[in-house]
Amino acid sequence: MGHSHAHHHSHAPGRGDGDTDCHGLHDHHGHHHAPKDFGPAFLIGVVLNTGFVVVEALFGFLYGSMALVADAGHNLSDVLALLLAWGANIAAKRPPSERYTYGFKSSTILAAIANALLLAVAIGAILFETMHRLLEPSEPQGEVMMIVAGIGVIINAGTAMLFLRGQEDLNIRGAYLHMAADALVSVGVVVAGLAIVVSGLWWIDPLVSLAIVAMIAWGTWGLAKDSIRMGLLAVPARIDVSEVRGHLAGLEGVKAVHDLHIWPMSTTETALTAHLVMPGAPCSDQFLHEIAHSLEDRFGINHATIQVERGEKDDCGTGC
């Protein structure tokens, strides 16, 4: 059943009005973590980069520069990555349904994984082209490389800046890394073109390409690790489980904490479920709301479901 992200609700079976005994609460604060609207940024990025891919590939074929053709292929992979991230960003805003009770928030995690794979493919393509040019050197067109790649620096760096404010979202971070990596590639091509014009040494171009590949690979490895961990529902790296457990165990009236689970619902939202053993201690909805607020303020956990129990877990053997 759909629910508004601007509200919270509690469920307490067997509880009448005025009863201070409470069993559980699910609390969320969607107005704090609703996916940011990057639609205009994605639109600008896709249009500019698609146009540049066509221009770069055209000049590469006309002037026999395989470096430009290879960079155009890399830019094309980035256009596809932007479209993928854009689609996930839109899907994450769709409301929950009977079948997809969490909505499509986790599509942002899938997009982040796919973006890491696309970056890996781009690295492989650049490496292949670089090794080909080392084995079969050709006379590069330094001036053309500098001019066309210089335009690419402006377009890619400008597009990357559009996503700079969304680094906390792994999906947006993936789009940012794609464009920043492309800007670095274009800078490398400009530098290589200038060095070739000045010195006439053909091997400068593949050497710069290898350095650029190493930088892209470093960023891709970090993105891949983070996105795969999210896909496996691992606790987000920024959250220390022992600190969360200690925080809950230190609350007034709490004797024990068990069945504590923390996982990412999307690249921006984190969920928690926990059982608190509170024998004989009265609690209220206000108490549970305060727990949820403290988890969000201190750990950035947006969706908290708390179950309160009256006895120890071992009292009934299987967990009461």
Protein backbone atom coordinates (compact mmCIF):
# COMPACT_ATOMS: atom_id res chain seq x y z
CA MET A 1 0.00 0.00 0.00
CA GLY A 2 1.42 3.40 -0.92
CA HIS A 3 2.31 5.91 1.74
CA SER A 4 3.38 9.50 1.87
CA HIS A 5 7.04 10.18 2.48
CA ALA A 6 6.21 13.29 4.42
CA HIS A 7 4.58 11.38 7.27
CA HIS A 8 5.32 8.60 9.71
CA HIS A 9 3.12 5.92 11.15
CA SER A 10 3.24 3.44 13.97
CA HIS A 11 1.76 0.02 14.48
CA ALA A 12 1.07 -1.36 17.92
CA PRO A 13 -1.04 -4.47 18.05
CA GLY A 14 -3.28 -4.85 21.09
CA ARG A 15 -2.85 -1.25 22.15
CA GLY A 16 -5.77 0.95 23.13
CA ASP A 17 -5.98 4.70 23.43
CA GLY A 18 -4.02 6.00 26.37
CA ASP A 19 -2.06 2.76 26.76
CA THR A 20 1.62 3.41 27.26
CA ASP A 21 2.65 -0.06 26.13
CA CYS A 22 3.94 0.02 22.57
CA HIS A 23 5.35 -2.62 20.29
CA GLY A 24 6.77 -1.06 17.17
CA LEU A 25 7.22 1.93 14.96
CA HIS A 26 8.20 2.59 11.42
CA ASP A 27 9.35 6.14 10.93
CA HIS A 28 10.63 7.87 7.82
CA HIS A 29 11.37 11.45 6.84
CA GLY A 30 11.20 11.58 3.07
CA HIS A 31 11.32 15.36 2.90
CA HIS A 32 14.94 15.15 4.05
CA HIS A 33 16.14 12.65 1.48
CA ALA A 34 13.88 12.79 -1.57
CA PRO A 35 15.96 12.31 -4.73
CA LYS A 36 17.24 15.64 -5.98
CA ASP A 37 16.02 16.77 -9.36
CA PHE A 38 18.95 16.43 -11.76
CA GLY A 39 16.72 16.30 -14.85
CA PRO A 40 18.06 19.56 -16.37
CA ALA A 41 21.66 18.50 -15.66
CA PHE A 42 21.12 15.14 -17.37
CA LEU A 43 19.40 16.78 -20.36
CA ILE A 44 22.20 19.31 -20.87
CA GLY A 45 24.86 16.62 -20.43
CA VAL A 46 23.25 14.21 -22.91
CA VAL A 47 22.67 16.85 -25.60
CA LEU A 48 26.16 18.42 -25.36
CA ASN A 49 28.01 15.11 -25.25
CA THR A 50 26.00 13.52 -28.07
CA GLY A 51 26.84 16.50 -30.28
CA PHE A 52 30.51 16.30 -29.30
CA VAL A 53 30.69 12.55 -30.04
CA VAL A 54 29.55 13.22 -33.61
CA VAL A 55 32.01 16.10 -34.11
CA GLU A 56 34.96 14.26 -32.54
CA ALA A 57 34.39 11.06 -34.52
CA LEU A 58 34.01 13.06 -37.75
CA PHE A 59 37.29 14.95 -37.28
CA GLY A 60 39.03 11.77 -36.16
CA PHE A 61 38.12 9.97 -39.40
CA LEU A 62 38.79 13.01 -41.60
CA TYR A 63 42.29 13.61 -40.19
CA GLY A 64 43.22 10.01 -39.48
CA SER A 65 43.48 10.46 -35.72
CA MET A 66 42.62 7.21 -33.99
CA ALA A 67 43.06 8.95 -30.63
CA LEU A 68 40.09 11.19 -31.42
CA VAL A 69 38.04 8.25 -32.70
CA ALA A 70 38.81 6.25 -29.55
CA ASP A 71 37.94 9.24 -27.35
CA ALA A 72 34.67 9.62 -29.26
CA GLY A 73 33.87 6.00 -28.40
CA HIS A 74 34.64 6.73 -24.77
CA ASN A 75 32.35 9.76 -24.89
CA LEU A 76 29.60 7.61 -26.39
CA SER A 77 29.82 5.25 -23.40
CA ASP A 78 29.42 8.29 -21.17
CA VAL A 79 26.27 9.36 -23.01
CA LEU A 80 24.84 5.90 -22.39
CA ALA A 81 25.89 6.14 -18.73
CA LEU A 82 24.15 9.49 -18.37
CA LEU A 83 20.96 8.08 -19.88
CA LEU A 84 21.15 5.11 -17.49
CA ALA A 85 21.68 7.31 -14.43
CA TRP A 86 18.91 9.68 -15.57
CA GLY A 87 16.44 6.81 -15.91
CA ALA A 88 17.33 5.53 -12.43
CA ASN A 89 16.99 9.03 -10.97
CA ILE A 90 13.46 9.27 -12.42
CA ALA A 91 12.52 5.74 -11.32
CA ALA A 92 13.63 6.46 -7.74
CA LYS A 93 10.90 9.11 -7.47
CA ARG A 94 8.08 6.72 -8.34
CA PRO A 95 5.77 5.92 -5.40
CA PRO A 96 5.58 2.44 -3.86
CA SER A 97 3.02 -0.06 -5.14
CA GLU A 98 1.50 -3.35 -4.01
CA ARG A 99 4.23 -5.26 -5.85
CA TYR A 100 7.15 -2.86 -5.27
CA THR A 101 6.55 -1.79 -1.70
CA TYR A 102 9.83 0.16 -1.60
CA GLY A 103 9.14 1.79 -4.96
CA PHE A 104 12.04 1.78 -7.41
CA LYS A 105 14.61 3.37 -5.15
CA SER A 106 17.09 0.51 -5.54
CA SER A 107 17.26 1.18 -9.29
CA THR A 108 19.84 3.84 -8.41
CA ILE A 109 22.07 1.07 -6.99
CA LEU A 110 21.67 -0.97 -10.18
CA ALA A 111 22.56 2.09 -12.25
CA ALA A 112 25.68 2.69 -10.16
CA ILE A 113 26.81 -0.91 -10.74
CA ALA A 114 26.11 -0.60 -14.47
CA ASN A 115 28.02 2.68 -14.63
CA ALA A 116 31.05 1.04 -13.01
CA LEU A 117 30.87 -1.72 -15.64
CA LEU A 118 30.64 0.86 -18.43
CA LEU A 119 33.72 2.64 -17.07
CA ALA A 120 35.55 -0.69 -17.03
CA VAL A 121 34.59 -1.29 -20.68
CA ALA A 122 35.79 2.23 -21.58
CA ILE A 123 39.12 1.55 -19.84
CA GLY A 124 39.49 -1.65 -21.83
CA ALA A 125 38.75 0.16 -25.10
CA ILE A 126 41.32 2.88 -24.39
CA LEU A 127 43.94 0.29 -23.36
CA PHE A 128 43.30 -1.70 -26.54
CA GLU A 129 43.71 1.37 -28.72
CA THR A 130 46.81 2.48 -26.82
CA MET A 131 48.52 -0.90 -27.24
CA HIS A 132 47.57 -0.91 -30.93
CA ARG A 133 49.21 2.46 -31.44
CA LEU A 134 52.34 1.35 -29.57
CA LEU A 135 52.69 -1.67 -31.86
CA GLU A 136 51.71 0.17 -35.04
CA PRO A 137 52.73 3.82 -34.61
CA SER A 138 51.30 6.45 -36.96
CA GLU A 139 51.90 10.15 -37.42
CA PRO A 140 49.29 11.89 -35.20
CA GLN A 141 47.68 15.19 -36.16
CA GLY A 142 48.81 17.25 -33.15
CA GLU A 143 47.05 20.52 -34.03
CA VAL A 144 43.70 18.87 -34.74
CA MET A 145 44.01 16.81 -31.55
CA MET A 146 44.56 19.95 -29.48
CA ILE A 147 41.62 21.88 -30.92
CA VAL A 148 39.01 19.12 -30.82
CA ALA A 149 40.12 17.77 -27.45
CA GLY A 150 40.17 21.30 -26.06
CA ILE A 151 36.47 21.61 -26.88
CA GLY A 152 35.96 18.27 -25.16
CA VAL A 153 37.62 19.56 -21.98
CA ILE A 154 35.15 22.44 -21.79
CA ILE A 155 32.07 20.29 -22.49
CA ASN A 156 33.01 17.41 -20.17
CA ALA A 157 34.24 19.57 -17.30
CA GLY A 158 31.13 21.74 -17.54
CA THR A 159 28.87 18.68 -17.50
CA ALA A 160 30.75 17.22 -14.52
CA MET A 161 30.20 20.45 -12.58
CA LEU A 162 26.44 20.01 -13.02
CA PHE A 163 26.66 16.87 -10.85
CA LEU A 164 29.18 18.17 -8.32
CA ARG A 165 26.53 18.92 -5.67
CA GLY A 166 25.14 15.37 -5.64
CA GLN A 167 28.20 13.40 -4.52
CA GLU A 168 26.35 11.81 -1.60
CA ASP A 169 24.24 9.92 -4.17
CA LEU A 170 26.31 7.07 -5.64
CA ASN A 171 24.27 7.18 -8.84
CA ILE A 172 25.01 10.90 -9.36
CA ARG A 173 28.61 10.30 -8.30
CA GLY A 174 28.87 7.72 -11.08
CA ALA A 175 27.66 10.28 -13.64
CA TYR A 176 30.12 12.82 -12.23
CA LEU A 177 33.03 10.36 -12.45
CA HIS A 178 32.18 9.55 -16.06
CA MET A 179 32.28 13.19 -17.08
CA ALA A 180 35.32 14.06 -14.95
CA ALA A 181 37.16 11.07 -16.42
CA ASP A 182 36.26 12.23 -19.92
CA ALA A 183 37.56 15.71 -19.13
CA LEU A 184 40.86 14.16 -17.97
CA VAL A 185 41.05 12.11 -21.15
CA SER A 186 40.53 15.26 -23.22
CA VAL A 187 43.19 17.13 -21.22
CA GLY A 188 45.58 14.27 -21.90
CA VAL A 189 44.86 14.44 -25.62
CA VAL A 190 45.48 18.22 -25.61
CA VAL A 191 48.80 17.78 -23.78
CA ALA A 192 49.80 14.94 -26.08
CA GLY A 193 48.91 17.02 -29.14
CA LEU A 194 51.00 19.97 -27.91
CA ALA A 195 53.96 17.74 -27.07
CA ILE A 196 53.76 16.08 -30.48
CA VAL A 197 53.69 19.44 -32.27
CA VAL A 198 56.72 20.65 -30.30
CA SER A 199 58.84 17.49 -30.29
CA GLY A 200 57.48 15.34 -33.10
CA LEU A 201 57.67 12.25 -30.86
CA TRP A 202 54.77 9.93 -31.72
CA TRP A 203 55.05 7.79 -28.56
CA ILE A 204 53.94 10.68 -26.33
CA ASP A 205 50.30 10.09 -27.21
CA PRO A 206 50.05 6.43 -26.06
CA LEU A 207 52.15 7.20 -22.98
CA VAL A 208 49.71 9.92 -21.87
CA SER A 209 46.82 7.58 -22.62
CA LEU A 210 48.23 4.96 -20.22
CA ALA A 211 48.53 7.55 -17.44
CA ILE A 212 44.92 8.63 -18.01
CA VAL A 213 43.71 5.01 -17.93
CA ALA A 214 45.40 4.54 -14.55
CA MET A 215 43.57 7.58 -13.12
CA ILE A 216 40.21 6.45 -14.49
CA ALA A 217 40.77 2.92 -13.16
CA TRP A 218 41.44 4.25 -9.65
CA GLY A 219 38.12 6.13 -9.57
CA THR A 220 36.25 3.23 -11.16
CA TRP A 221 37.53 0.77 -8.55
CA GLY A 222 36.13 2.90 -5.74
CA LEU A 223 32.78 3.29 -7.46
CA ALA A 224 32.59 -0.43 -8.24
CA LYS A 225 33.34 -1.44 -4.63
CA ASP A 226 30.75 0.95 -3.18
CA SER A 227 28.02 0.04 -5.67
CA ILE A 228 28.53 -3.75 -5.33
CA ARG A 229 28.45 -3.48 -1.55
CA MET A 230 25.17 -1.61 -1.83
CA GLY A 231 23.85 -4.25 -4.20
CA LEU A 232 24.63 -6.87 -1.56
CA LEU A 233 22.78 -4.77 1.06
CA ALA A 234 25.94 -4.22 3.11
CA VAL A 235 25.86 -1.62 5.88
CA PRO A 236 26.89 1.73 4.30
CA ALA A 237 30.57 2.48 4.93
CA ARG A 238 29.75 5.72 6.74
CA ILE A 239 27.80 3.84 9.47
CA ASP A 240 29.46 1.97 12.35
CA VAL A 241 27.13 -0.85 13.41
CA SER A 242 28.67 -1.08 16.88
CA GLU A 243 27.99 2.63 17.44
CA VAL A 244 24.36 2.22 16.38
CA ARG A 245 23.98 -0.81 18.65
CA GLY A 246 25.57 1.09 21.54
CA HIS A 247 23.31 4.07 20.93
CA LEU A 248 20.18 1.92 21.07
CA ALA A 249 21.41 -0.12 24.06
CA GLY A 250 22.14 3.08 25.98
CA LEU A 251 18.57 4.35 25.76
CA GLU A 252 16.63 4.52 29.03
CA GLY A 253 14.87 1.25 29.83
CA VAL A 254 16.60 -0.78 27.11
CA LYS A 255 18.12 -4.00 28.49
CA ALA A 256 19.26 -5.58 25.22
CA VAL A 257 19.27 -5.08 21.44
CA HIS A 258 18.99 -7.92 18.94
CA ASP A 259 18.06 -8.56 15.30
CA LEU A 260 19.70 -5.29 14.28
CA HIS A 261 19.80 -4.88 10.51
CA ILE A 262 21.00 -1.86 8.53
CA TRP A 263 20.94 -1.73 4.73
CA PRO A 264 20.78 0.76 1.83
CA MET A 265 17.38 1.21 0.20
CA SER A 266 18.90 3.36 -2.53
CA THR A 267 22.09 5.32 -3.13
CA THR A 268 20.78 8.03 -0.76
CA GLU A 269 18.52 6.26 1.77
CA THR A 270 19.30 3.83 4.59
CA ALA A 271 16.91 1.57 6.52
CA LEU A 272 17.14 -0.08 9.95
CA THR A 273 15.19 -2.69 11.85
CA ALA A 274 15.88 -3.59 15.48
CA HIS A 275 14.32 -5.33 18.46
CA LEU A 276 14.68 -3.57 21.82
CA VAL A 277 14.21 -5.61 24.99
CA MET A 278 12.54 -3.34 27.58
CA PRO A 279 11.17 -5.50 30.44
CA GLY A 280 8.57 -3.63 32.45
CA ALA A 281 9.60 -0.22 31.15
CA PRO A 282 6.73 1.87 29.79
CA CYS A 283 7.21 3.43 26.38
CA SER A 284 5.18 5.64 24.09
CA ASP A 285 4.93 6.61 20.48
CA GLN A 286 6.85 9.76 21.40
CA PHE A 287 9.69 7.62 22.76
CA LEU A 288 9.89 5.66 19.53
CA HIS A 289 9.71 8.80 17.40
CA GLU A 290 12.62 10.22 19.38
CA ILE A 291 14.62 7.07 18.63
CA ALA A 292 13.92 7.42 14.92
CA HIS A 293 14.89 11.10 14.93
CA SER A 294 18.11 10.37 16.82
CA LEU A 295 19.05 7.65 14.31
CA GLU A 296 18.54 10.05 11.43
CA ASP A 297 20.33 12.99 13.05
CA ARG A 298 23.32 10.98 14.28
CA PHE A 299 23.72 8.25 11.65
CA GLY A 300 21.71 9.43 8.64
CA ILE A 301 19.34 6.44 8.89
CA ASN A 302 16.08 7.60 7.28
CA HIS A 303 13.78 4.60 7.67
CA ALA A 304 13.73 3.02 11.14
CA THR A 305 11.48 0.17 12.24
CA ILE A 306 11.69 -0.52 15.98
CA GLN A 307 10.14 -3.54 17.72
CA VAL A 308 9.83 -3.38 21.52
CA GLU A 309 9.79 -6.63 23.52
CA ARG A 310 9.02 -7.19 27.20
CA GLY A 311 11.19 -10.24 27.86
CA GLU A 312 14.64 -11.49 26.98
CA LYS A 313 14.95 -13.28 23.65
CA ASP A 314 15.99 -16.51 25.37
CA ASP A 315 12.91 -16.54 27.61
CA CYS A 316 10.88 -18.36 24.99
CA GLY A 317 13.69 -20.13 23.20
CA THR A 318 12.94 -18.88 19.70
CA GLY A 319 12.56 -15.16 20.26
CA CYS A 320 9.41 -13.53 21.56
